[in-house]
Amino acid sequence: MKIHVDVDEVFQEAVQWIINNGPRIIFAFVILFGGFWIIKIIKKWLISVLRKKDVHSSLAPFIQSLVIAALHITLLLLVMQIMGIQMTLFAAGLASFGVAIGLALSGTLQNFAGGVLILLLKPFKLGDNIVAQGQDGIVESIQIFFTVITTLDNKTVVIPNSKLSNEIIVNLSQQGQRRLDLLMKFPYTSDINNIEGVINHAIQDSQDILPDPKPNIGVSSLDIDGYVIIVELWVNAMSYYQVKNAVQQRILQHLKEAAVK
């Protein structure tokens, strides 16, 4: 069985199709290449803006990639629309795929969103001493999905960013200085004026105690078996624990030398 092909008819249909669809296809390609050129300009502008805004180095590449990817997808959808390609099935498939990915990565996406918030709002920065999730340590790294801190006993703790963005964070070093409170109990037979004088003498020569605000010494409470003296000192936030140990030792030595009981 022979199949007869009318070449002239096929040629005429091809010509007619080009006449009907050619301008639209040419316009679509013009939009496509013009869009690529505009996106390239936007990319350079975005890099400049992120650099001027001092956006965190972990966040800047992500924002750049996200914006450029969104622009490319929008451009391709526009070109498909101009060319008359039906996008109903494509949109439905993309939506289903997005829902499936969202369900599978819900926890990861929460950490990601938390990381973006931390890097944008900056409740803490590298080198800060924070207390979070029961951990007290120095911030070593802020990533998109997690934050790494080193505790005072040199343990590395990795905390998911979703926890840090939704719960309380205590930044101990953001203000630059902290108040050091020391409580000491003495029997009522001890001379309070003598004790205050000894403590004042112990802290006067301390180079690691800030002069402003001034140190404060007073009676914190009266108990059945004695009274409690509080010593309030202001110190550099990052040397808080070192100063605490040194000052306590210095006060103890002076109290012993003064034979305070």
Protein backbone atom coordinates (compact mmCIF):
# COMPACT_ATOMS: atom_id res chain seq x y z
CA MET A 1 0.00 0.00 0.00
CA LYS A 2 1.48 3.31 -1.10
CA ILE A 3 0.96 6.54 0.79
CA HIS A 4 0.72 9.55 -1.44
CA VAL A 5 2.07 12.77 0.05
CA ASP A 6 1.09 16.03 -1.56
CA VAL A 7 4.28 18.02 -1.19
CA ASP A 8 2.67 21.24 -2.35
CA GLU A 9 -0.10 20.91 0.23
CA VAL A 10 2.36 20.24 3.04
CA PHE A 11 4.47 23.19 1.91
CA GLN A 12 1.44 25.47 1.82
CA GLU A 13 0.40 24.39 5.35
CA ALA A 14 3.92 24.96 6.64
CA VAL A 15 4.02 28.42 5.09
CA GLN A 16 0.61 29.21 6.52
CA TRP A 17 1.70 28.01 10.00
CA ILE A 18 4.81 30.21 9.83
CA ILE A 19 2.72 33.18 8.72
CA ASN A 20 0.24 32.61 11.58
CA ASN A 21 2.74 31.77 14.34
CA GLY A 22 6.05 33.23 13.14
CA PRO A 23 5.62 36.75 14.55
CA ARG A 24 4.55 35.33 17.91
CA ILE A 25 7.55 32.97 18.04
CA ILE A 26 9.96 35.73 17.00
CA PHE A 27 8.46 38.03 19.63
CA ALA A 28 8.81 35.27 22.25
CA PHE A 29 12.52 34.82 21.44
CA VAL A 30 13.04 38.58 21.57
CA ILE A 31 11.42 38.63 25.00
CA LEU A 32 13.54 35.62 26.05
CA PHE A 33 16.91 37.11 25.10
CA GLY A 34 15.88 40.58 26.26
CA GLY A 35 14.79 39.08 29.58
CA PHE A 36 18.14 37.32 30.00
CA TRP A 37 19.90 40.64 29.42
CA ILE A 38 17.69 42.44 31.98
CA ILE A 39 18.19 39.65 34.53
CA LYS A 40 21.96 39.99 34.14
CA ILE A 41 21.67 43.71 34.92
CA ILE A 42 19.43 42.99 37.92
CA LYS A 43 21.96 40.43 39.19
CA LYS A 44 24.78 43.02 39.17
CA TRP A 45 22.54 45.56 40.90
CA LEU A 46 21.49 43.00 43.53
CA ILE A 47 25.09 42.06 44.32
CA SER A 48 25.91 45.75 44.80
CA VAL A 49 22.90 46.31 47.09
CA LEU A 50 23.64 43.25 49.24
CA ARG A 51 27.24 44.36 49.62
CA LYS A 52 26.21 47.89 50.66
CA LYS A 53 23.62 46.54 53.13
CA ASP A 54 26.33 44.36 54.71
CA VAL A 55 24.17 41.24 54.41
CA HIS A 56 25.70 38.19 56.09
CA SER A 57 28.03 36.16 53.86
CA SER A 58 25.93 33.03 54.41
CA LEU A 59 22.72 34.76 53.34
CA ALA A 60 23.81 36.97 50.43
CA PRO A 61 24.50 34.14 47.92
CA PHE A 62 21.20 32.50 48.78
CA ILE A 63 19.17 35.69 48.30
CA GLN A 64 20.95 36.31 45.02
CA SER A 65 20.31 32.77 43.75
CA LEU A 66 16.67 32.81 44.89
CA VAL A 67 15.87 36.12 43.18
CA ILE A 68 17.64 35.18 39.94
CA ALA A 69 15.98 31.74 39.84
CA ALA A 70 12.55 33.33 40.40
CA LEU A 71 13.18 35.82 37.59
CA HIS A 72 14.27 33.04 35.21
CA ILE A 73 11.17 30.97 36.00
CA THR A 74 8.92 34.00 35.51
CA LEU A 75 10.61 34.77 32.18
CA LEU A 76 10.20 31.21 30.90
CA LEU A 77 6.53 31.14 31.91
CA LEU A 78 6.00 34.44 30.09
CA VAL A 79 7.69 33.12 26.94
CA MET A 80 5.60 29.93 27.06
CA GLN A 81 2.45 32.03 27.40
CA ILE A 82 3.42 34.19 24.41
CA MET A 83 4.10 31.09 22.31
CA GLY A 84 0.68 29.69 23.19
CA ILE A 85 1.94 26.65 25.10
CA GLN A 86 -0.72 25.32 27.48
CA MET A 87 0.56 25.61 31.05
CA THR A 88 -2.37 24.07 32.95
CA LEU A 89 -0.78 20.63 33.26
CA PHE A 90 2.63 22.15 33.93
CA ALA A 91 1.28 24.37 36.71
CA ALA A 92 -0.62 21.48 38.30
CA GLY A 93 2.47 19.26 38.26
CA LEU A 94 4.62 22.03 39.70
CA ALA A 95 2.11 22.66 42.51
CA SER A 96 1.91 18.96 43.39
CA PHE A 97 5.69 18.69 43.39
CA GLY A 98 5.95 21.74 45.64
CA VAL A 99 3.45 20.32 48.15
CA ALA A 100 5.28 16.98 48.28
CA ILE A 101 8.65 18.64 48.81
CA GLY A 102 7.18 20.94 51.46
CA LEU A 103 5.76 18.04 53.46
CA ALA A 104 8.97 16.03 53.20
CA LEU A 105 11.19 18.92 54.26
CA SER A 106 8.92 20.72 56.74
CA GLY A 107 11.46 20.60 59.57
CA THR A 108 14.32 21.62 57.30
CA LEU A 109 12.27 24.50 55.90
CA GLN A 110 11.54 25.71 59.43
CA ASN A 111 15.26 25.73 60.17
CA PHE A 112 15.89 27.52 56.89
CA ALA A 113 13.29 30.21 57.64
CA GLY A 114 14.75 30.62 61.13
CA GLY A 115 18.24 31.01 59.68
CA VAL A 116 17.08 33.72 57.30
CA LEU A 117 15.41 35.60 60.17
CA ILE A 118 18.54 35.34 62.34
CA LEU A 119 20.82 36.57 59.56
CA LEU A 120 18.49 39.45 58.71
CA LEU A 121 17.44 40.59 62.21
CA LYS A 122 20.83 39.80 63.83
CA PRO A 123 19.78 39.06 67.45
CA PHE A 124 23.36 37.87 67.87
CA LYS A 125 26.55 37.80 65.83
CA LEU A 126 29.75 35.80 65.62
CA GLY A 127 31.71 35.98 68.87
CA ASP A 128 28.70 36.85 71.06
CA ASN A 129 28.16 35.00 74.34
CA ILE A 130 24.57 33.72 74.29
CA VAL A 131 22.36 31.44 76.39
CA ALA A 132 19.92 29.38 74.31
CA GLN A 133 18.32 25.96 74.69
CA GLY A 134 20.03 25.61 78.07
CA GLN A 135 23.47 26.15 76.53
CA ASP A 136 25.84 28.98 77.48
CA GLY A 137 28.57 29.59 74.94
CA ILE A 138 30.25 31.67 72.25
CA VAL A 139 28.73 31.82 68.74
CA GLU A 140 31.23 30.26 66.35
CA SER A 141 29.16 29.94 63.17
CA ILE A 142 25.75 31.03 61.86
CA GLN A 143 24.57 28.86 58.96
CA ILE A 144 21.32 28.80 57.01
CA PHE A 145 19.99 25.73 58.86
CA PHE A 146 21.82 25.75 62.21
CA THR A 147 24.02 27.76 64.56
CA VAL A 148 27.18 26.42 66.21
CA ILE A 149 28.27 27.58 69.66
CA THR A 150 31.23 26.57 71.83
CA THR A 151 30.38 26.22 75.51
CA LEU A 152 32.61 27.46 78.31
CA ASP A 153 33.86 23.89 78.91
CA ASN A 154 34.81 23.65 75.21
CA LYS A 155 31.92 21.55 73.90
CA THR A 156 30.61 22.18 70.40
CA VAL A 157 26.81 22.51 70.34
CA VAL A 158 24.79 22.62 67.11
CA ILE A 159 21.38 24.27 67.57
CA PRO A 160 18.69 24.21 64.83
CA ASN A 161 17.77 27.73 63.76
CA SER A 162 14.04 27.05 64.17
CA LYS A 163 14.67 26.79 67.93
CA LEU A 164 16.65 30.02 68.04
CA SER A 165 14.12 32.02 66.03
CA ASN A 166 11.07 30.91 68.05
CA GLU A 167 12.37 30.78 71.62
CA ILE A 168 14.15 33.06 74.09
CA ILE A 169 17.78 33.95 73.44
CA VAL A 170 19.84 35.74 76.10
CA ASN A 171 22.69 37.74 74.57
CA LEU A 172 25.15 38.25 77.42
CA SER A 173 27.72 40.27 75.49
CA GLN A 174 25.71 42.61 73.26
CA GLN A 175 25.78 45.49 75.79
CA GLY A 176 29.55 45.17 76.20
CA GLN A 177 29.47 44.95 79.99
CA ARG A 178 27.76 42.83 82.65
CA ARG A 179 27.04 43.24 86.33
CA LEU A 180 28.81 40.74 88.56
CA ASP A 181 26.91 39.99 91.77
CA LEU A 182 28.74 38.32 94.67
CA LEU A 183 26.82 37.15 97.75
CA MET A 184 28.61 36.52 101.06
CA LYS A 185 27.08 35.51 104.38
CA PHE A 186 28.42 36.56 107.77
CA PRO A 187 27.24 35.97 111.36
CA TYR A 188 25.67 38.88 113.23
CA THR A 189 28.77 39.03 115.44
CA SER A 190 30.84 40.25 112.46
CA ASP A 191 31.36 44.03 112.14
CA ILE A 192 29.66 45.09 108.91
CA ASN A 193 31.68 48.31 108.62
CA ASN A 194 34.91 46.37 108.88
CA ILE A 195 33.75 43.85 106.27
CA GLU A 196 32.75 46.59 103.83
CA GLY A 197 36.12 48.27 104.28
CA VAL A 198 38.00 45.03 103.59
CA ILE A 199 35.93 44.31 100.46
CA ASN A 200 36.40 47.88 99.21
CA HIS A 201 40.14 47.56 99.66
CA ALA A 202 40.10 44.22 97.78
CA ILE A 203 38.33 45.61 94.73
CA GLN A 204 39.98 49.04 94.55
CA ASP A 205 43.18 47.75 92.97
CA SER A 206 41.40 45.51 90.43
CA GLN A 207 42.18 46.57 86.88
CA ASP A 208 39.52 44.23 85.50
CA ILE A 209 36.61 45.95 87.30
CA LEU A 210 35.03 48.85 85.39
CA PRO A 211 34.99 52.18 87.26
CA ASP A 212 31.60 53.18 85.85
CA PRO A 213 29.04 52.28 87.10
CA LYS A 214 30.69 52.37 90.50
CA PRO A 215 30.87 49.21 92.64
CA ASN A 216 28.10 48.86 95.19
CA ILE A 217 28.25 47.00 98.52
CA GLY A 218 25.22 46.50 100.75
CA VAL A 219 23.18 44.10 102.83
CA SER A 220 21.11 41.85 100.59
CA SER A 221 19.09 40.00 103.24
CA LEU A 222 18.79 39.27 106.97
CA ASP A 223 18.56 35.59 107.85
CA ILE A 224 18.13 33.83 111.18
CA ASP A 225 21.77 32.83 111.37
CA GLY A 226 23.36 35.91 109.83
CA TYR A 227 23.22 38.64 107.20
CA VAL A 228 24.07 38.46 103.49
CA ILE A 229 26.24 41.09 101.84
CA ILE A 230 25.98 41.68 98.10
CA VAL A 231 28.84 43.11 96.06
CA GLU A 232 27.77 44.54 92.68
CA LEU A 233 30.57 45.07 90.19
CA TRP A 234 30.55 45.92 86.48
CA VAL A 235 32.95 44.01 84.25
CA ASN A 236 33.66 43.39 80.57
CA ALA A 237 31.07 40.92 79.31
CA MET A 238 33.54 38.64 77.55
CA SER A 239 35.77 38.26 80.62
CA TYR A 240 32.92 37.83 83.11
CA TYR A 241 33.84 34.39 84.43
CA GLN A 242 37.59 35.06 84.62
CA VAL A 243 36.98 38.28 86.57
CA LYS A 244 34.47 36.55 88.84
CA ASN A 245 36.98 33.89 89.87
CA ALA A 246 39.81 36.39 90.35
CA VAL A 247 37.73 38.86 92.39
CA GLN A 248 36.30 36.14 94.63
CA GLN A 249 39.80 34.87 95.37
CA ARG A 250 41.07 38.39 96.06
CA ILE A 251 38.21 39.20 98.45
CA LEU A 252 38.68 35.88 100.27
CA GLN A 253 42.40 36.58 100.77
CA HIS A 254 41.71 40.05 102.17
CA LEU A 255 39.03 38.72 104.53
CA LYS A 256 41.45 36.10 105.86
CA GLU A 257 44.21 38.65 106.28
CA ALA A 258 41.80 40.87 108.22
CA ALA A 259 40.79 37.85 110.36
CA VAL A 260 37.10 38.39 109.55
CA LYS A 261 34.94 35.57 110.90
